[in-house]
Amino acid sequence: KKEAVLIQAGEYMGQLLEQASLHFFVTARINETRDVLAKQKSTVLTIPELIIKVRGAQVVGSDMIVTVEFTNPLKETLRNVWIHLDGPGITRPMRKMFREIRPSSTMQWEEVCRPWVSGPRKLIASMSSDSLRHVYGELDVQIQRRPSV
């Protein structure tokens, strides 16, 4: 016999850890034989990502625009959403708060950055809210040296 069990996202969203997986444990007793059946199943959830984009010259000392984008995939509004952005050699750590992000809506955060170190760099963004955590994104960026005069 199959039995469907509906689990609402609100029942587990606040309990998720970095691995973002659900572990199911099922036990049953077979009445006729009194045997016990035990099964375990793990399901890894797909965590949404932050998308980072860069516009403008990627040159030491020149302004470039960094955009962090996120689309809420849930059927519930995310509240008290904090986005953190860091990029050593590109920008100092910064953060921004969005009071809410409605279901299926997209938020964008743009910042002007002026890199001060050339070479391969990385932009990293992370997000946390009341009901969704451990969302992140990263982007590799190649910062060029300032042309000599």
C-alpha atoms as a PDB file:
ATOM      1  CA  LYS A   1       0.000   0.000   0.000  1.00  0.00           C
ATOM      2  CA  LYS A   2       1.272   3.468  -0.887  1.00  0.00           C
ATOM      3  CA  GLU A   3       0.620   6.395   1.392  1.00  0.00           C
ATOM      4  CA  ALA A   4       1.178  10.007   0.350  1.00  0.00           C
ATOM      5  CA  VAL A   5       2.275  12.474   2.995  1.00  0.00           C
ATOM      6  CA  LEU A   6       2.090  16.170   2.156  1.00  0.00           C
ATOM      7  CA  ILE A   7       4.795  18.291   3.754  1.00  0.00           C
ATOM      8  CA  GLN A   8       4.377  22.046   3.487  1.00  0.00           C
ATOM      9  CA  ALA A   9       7.539  24.111   2.940  1.00  0.00           C
ATOM     10  CA  GLY A  10       6.695  26.127   6.044  1.00  0.00           C
ATOM     11  CA  GLU A  11       7.116  22.968   8.140  1.00  0.00           C
ATOM     12  CA  TYR A  12      10.795  22.549   7.307  1.00  0.00           C
ATOM     13  CA  MET A  13      12.150  25.798   5.833  1.00  0.00           C
ATOM     14  CA  GLY A  14      13.263  27.161   9.206  1.00  0.00           C
ATOM     15  CA  GLN A  15      15.002  23.875  10.053  1.00  0.00           C
ATOM     16  CA  LEU A  16      17.186  23.468   6.961  1.00  0.00           C
ATOM     17  CA  LEU A  17      20.937  23.403   7.428  1.00  0.00           C
ATOM     18  CA  GLU A  18      23.656  24.019   4.849  1.00  0.00           C
ATOM     19  CA  GLN A  19      23.102  20.610   3.226  1.00  0.00           C
ATOM     20  CA  ALA A  20      19.446  21.465   2.468  1.00  0.00           C
ATOM     21  CA  SER A  21      18.245  17.891   2.544  1.00  0.00           C
ATOM     22  CA  LEU A  22      15.245  16.115   3.981  1.00  0.00           C
ATOM     23  CA  HIS A  23      15.638  12.722   5.625  1.00  0.00           C
ATOM     24  CA  PHE A  24      12.621  10.429   5.758  1.00  0.00           C
ATOM     25  CA  PHE A  25      12.419   7.461   8.108  1.00  0.00           C
ATOM     26  CA  VAL A  26       9.506   5.055   7.718  1.00  0.00           C
ATOM     27  CA  THR A  27       8.743   2.008   9.836  1.00  0.00           C
ATOM     28  CA  ALA A  28       5.908  -0.463   9.502  1.00  0.00           C
ATOM     29  CA  ARG A  29       4.835  -3.754  11.056  1.00  0.00           C
ATOM     30  CA  ILE A  30       3.400  -6.536   8.938  1.00  0.00           C
ATOM     31  CA  ASN A  31       0.430  -7.809  10.945  1.00  0.00           C
ATOM     32  CA  GLU A  32       0.478 -11.359   9.596  1.00  0.00           C
ATOM     33  CA  THR A  33       4.184 -12.034  10.204  1.00  0.00           C
ATOM     34  CA  ARG A  34       4.904  -9.384  12.859  1.00  0.00           C
ATOM     35  CA  ASP A  35       8.007  -8.486  10.846  1.00  0.00           C
ATOM     36  CA  VAL A  36       9.174  -4.887  11.042  1.00  0.00           C
ATOM     37  CA  LEU A  37      10.066  -2.985   7.902  1.00  0.00           C
ATOM     38  CA  ALA A  38      12.312   0.082   8.153  1.00  0.00           C
ATOM     39  CA  LYS A  39      13.269   2.345   5.254  1.00  0.00           C
ATOM     40  CA  GLN A  40      15.228   5.559   4.981  1.00  0.00           C
ATOM     41  CA  LYS A  41      15.303   8.044   2.111  1.00  0.00           C
ATOM     42  CA  SER A  42      17.175  11.311   1.739  1.00  0.00           C
ATOM     43  CA  THR A  43      16.195  14.020  -0.687  1.00  0.00           C
ATOM     44  CA  VAL A  44      18.484  16.920  -1.516  1.00  0.00           C
ATOM     45  CA  LEU A  45      16.572  20.117  -2.171  1.00  0.00           C
ATOM     46  CA  THR A  46      17.445  22.527  -4.938  1.00  0.00           C
ATOM     47  CA  ILE A  47      18.488  25.797  -3.372  1.00  0.00           C
ATOM     48  CA  PRO A  48      17.970  28.894  -5.527  1.00  0.00           C
ATOM     49  CA  GLU A  49      21.017  30.953  -6.452  1.00  0.00           C
ATOM     50  CA  LEU A  50      21.935  34.584  -6.455  1.00  0.00           C
ATOM     51  CA  ILE A  51      23.011  35.773  -9.889  1.00  0.00           C
ATOM     52  CA  ILE A  52      25.881  38.262 -10.045  1.00  0.00           C
ATOM     53  CA  LYS A  53      26.503  40.337 -13.179  1.00  0.00           C
ATOM     54  CA  VAL A  54      29.121  42.969 -13.969  1.00  0.00           C
ATOM     55  CA  ARG A  55      28.844  45.877 -16.423  1.00  0.00           C
ATOM     56  CA  GLY A  56      31.500  48.372 -17.382  1.00  0.00           C
ATOM     57  CA  ALA A  57      35.268  48.305 -17.537  1.00  0.00           C
ATOM     58  CA  GLN A  58      36.873  45.688 -15.322  1.00  0.00           C
ATOM     59  CA  VAL A  59      39.986  47.781 -14.780  1.00  0.00           C
ATOM     60  CA  VAL A  60      41.786  48.901 -11.629  1.00  0.00           C
ATOM     61  CA  GLY A  61      40.590  52.381 -10.668  1.00  0.00           C
ATOM     62  CA  SER A  62      37.602  52.381 -13.054  1.00  0.00           C
ATOM     63  CA  ASP A  63      33.960  52.223 -12.017  1.00  0.00           C
ATOM     64  CA  MET A  64      32.030  49.063 -12.813  1.00  0.00           C
ATOM     65  CA  ILE A  65      28.470  48.159 -11.897  1.00  0.00           C
ATOM     66  CA  VAL A  66      27.834  44.964  -9.953  1.00  0.00           C
ATOM     67  CA  THR A  67      24.269  43.629  -9.971  1.00  0.00           C
ATOM     68  CA  VAL A  68      22.963  40.956  -7.609  1.00  0.00           C
ATOM     69  CA  GLU A  69      19.690  39.364  -8.717  1.00  0.00           C
ATOM     70  CA  PHE A  70      17.358  36.922  -6.994  1.00  0.00           C
ATOM     71  CA  THR A  71      13.978  35.459  -7.969  1.00  0.00           C
ATOM     72  CA  ASN A  72      11.817  34.073  -5.170  1.00  0.00           C
ATOM     73  CA  PRO A  73      10.847  30.531  -6.250  1.00  0.00           C
ATOM     74  CA  LEU A  74       8.583  29.939  -3.253  1.00  0.00           C
ATOM     75  CA  LYS A  75       4.829  30.375  -3.004  1.00  0.00           C
ATOM     76  CA  GLU A  76       5.341  32.525   0.074  1.00  0.00           C
ATOM     77  CA  THR A  77       6.672  36.039   0.537  1.00  0.00           C
ATOM     78  CA  LEU A  78      10.216  36.198   1.886  1.00  0.00           C
ATOM     79  CA  ARG A  79      10.567  38.705   4.713  1.00  0.00           C
ATOM     80  CA  ASN A  80      13.567  40.478   6.238  1.00  0.00           C
ATOM     81  CA  VAL A  81      15.864  39.527   3.380  1.00  0.00           C
ATOM     82  CA  TRP A  82      19.542  40.433   3.836  1.00  0.00           C
ATOM     83  CA  ILE A  83      21.905  40.322   0.869  1.00  0.00           C
ATOM     84  CA  HIS A  84      25.657  40.444   1.513  1.00  0.00           C
ATOM     85  CA  LEU A  85      28.173  41.248  -1.217  1.00  0.00           C
ATOM     86  CA  ASP A  86      31.942  40.949  -1.016  1.00  0.00           C
ATOM     87  CA  GLY A  87      34.773  40.908  -3.512  1.00  0.00           C
ATOM     88  CA  PRO A  88      38.290  41.234  -2.135  1.00  0.00           C
ATOM     89  CA  GLY A  89      40.173  43.766  -4.238  1.00  0.00           C
ATOM     90  CA  ILE A  90      36.934  44.859  -5.927  1.00  0.00           C
ATOM     91  CA  THR A  91      34.677  46.081  -3.135  1.00  0.00           C
ATOM     92  CA  ARG A  92      34.548  46.206   0.609  1.00  0.00           C
ATOM     93  CA  PRO A  93      31.898  43.987   2.251  1.00  0.00           C
ATOM     94  CA  MET A  94      28.435  45.522   2.015  1.00  0.00           C
ATOM     95  CA  ARG A  95      24.881  44.474   2.716  1.00  0.00           C
ATOM     96  CA  LYS A  96      21.365  45.541   1.901  1.00  0.00           C
ATOM     97  CA  MET A  97      18.007  44.676   3.406  1.00  0.00           C
ATOM     98  CA  PHE A  98      14.791  44.052   1.495  1.00  0.00           C
ATOM     99  CA  ARG A  99      11.694  43.994   3.682  1.00  0.00           C
ATOM    100  CA  GLU A 100       9.987  41.450   1.454  1.00  0.00           C
ATOM    101  CA  ILE A 101      10.266  39.635  -1.854  1.00  0.00           C
ATOM    102  CA  ARG A 102       6.923  38.368  -3.144  1.00  0.00           C
ATOM    103  CA  PRO A 103       6.481  34.909  -4.726  1.00  0.00           C
ATOM    104  CA  SER A 104       7.924  34.668  -8.257  1.00  0.00           C
ATOM    105  CA  SER A 105       9.168  38.272  -8.114  1.00  0.00           C
ATOM    106  CA  THR A 106      12.746  39.303  -8.818  1.00  0.00           C
ATOM    107  CA  MET A 107      14.823  41.783  -6.848  1.00  0.00           C
ATOM    108  CA  GLN A 108      17.918  43.514  -8.176  1.00  0.00           C
ATOM    109  CA  TRP A 109      20.605  45.340  -6.225  1.00  0.00           C
ATOM    110  CA  GLU A 110      23.157  47.436  -8.098  1.00  0.00           C
ATOM    111  CA  GLU A 111      26.334  48.913  -6.657  1.00  0.00           C
ATOM    112  CA  VAL A 112      29.133  50.872  -8.283  1.00  0.00           C
ATOM    113  CA  CYS A 113      32.504  49.339  -7.446  1.00  0.00           C
ATOM    114  CA  ARG A 114      36.031  50.507  -8.189  1.00  0.00           C
ATOM    115  CA  PRO A 115      38.551  47.627  -8.121  1.00  0.00           C
ATOM    116  CA  TRP A 116      41.968  48.341  -6.615  1.00  0.00           C
ATOM    117  CA  VAL A 117      43.701  44.979  -7.262  1.00  0.00           C
ATOM    118  CA  SER A 118      44.305  43.444 -10.698  1.00  0.00           C
ATOM    119  CA  GLY A 119      44.196  39.776 -11.629  1.00  0.00           C
ATOM    120  CA  PRO A 120      41.652  37.034 -11.043  1.00  0.00           C
ATOM    121  CA  ARG A 121      39.099  38.110  -8.437  1.00  0.00           C
ATOM    122  CA  LYS A 122      35.847  36.685  -7.147  1.00  0.00           C
ATOM    123  CA  LEU A 123      32.566  38.381  -6.254  1.00  0.00           C
ATOM    124  CA  ILE A 124      30.517  36.521  -3.662  1.00  0.00           C
ATOM    125  CA  ALA A 125      26.935  37.221  -2.601  1.00  0.00           C
ATOM    126  CA  SER A 126      24.881  35.502   0.082  1.00  0.00           C
ATOM    127  CA  MET A 127      21.292  35.861   1.202  1.00  0.00           C
ATOM    128  CA  SER A 128      19.338  35.049   4.314  1.00  0.00           C
ATOM    129  CA  SER A 129      15.741  35.716   5.295  1.00  0.00           C
ATOM    130  CA  ASP A 130      13.271  34.627   7.947  1.00  0.00           C
ATOM    131  CA  SER A 131      12.387  31.461   6.021  1.00  0.00           C
ATOM    132  CA  LEU A 132      15.168  30.863   3.481  1.00  0.00           C
ATOM    133  CA  ARG A 133      18.883  30.730   4.231  1.00  0.00           C
ATOM    134  CA  HIS A 134      22.134  29.524   2.673  1.00  0.00           C
ATOM    135  CA  VAL A 135      21.454  31.075  -0.728  1.00  0.00           C
ATOM    136  CA  TYR A 136      24.591  32.266  -2.470  1.00  0.00           C
ATOM    137  CA  GLY A 137      26.188  33.082  -5.771  1.00  0.00           C
ATOM    138  CA  GLU A 138      29.649  33.837  -7.040  1.00  0.00           C
ATOM    139  CA  LEU A 139      31.267  35.244 -10.135  1.00  0.00           C
ATOM    140  CA  ASP A 140      34.890  35.053 -11.293  1.00  0.00           C
ATOM    141  CA  VAL A 141      36.139  38.369 -12.618  1.00  0.00           C
ATOM    142  CA  GLN A 142      39.429  39.228 -14.348  1.00  0.00           C
ATOM    143  CA  ILE A 143      40.460  42.746 -13.335  1.00  0.00           C
ATOM    144  CA  GLN A 144      42.893  44.380 -15.760  1.00  0.00           C
ATOM    145  CA  ARG A 145      45.719  46.706 -14.768  1.00  0.00           C
ATOM    146  CA  ARG A 146      45.210  50.381 -15.413  1.00  0.00           C
ATOM    147  CA  PRO A 147      46.786  51.247 -18.779  1.00  0.00           C
ATOM    148  CA  SER A 148      50.064  53.132 -18.340  1.00  0.00           C
ATOM    149  CA  VAL A 149      50.113  56.651 -19.673  1.00  0.00           C
END
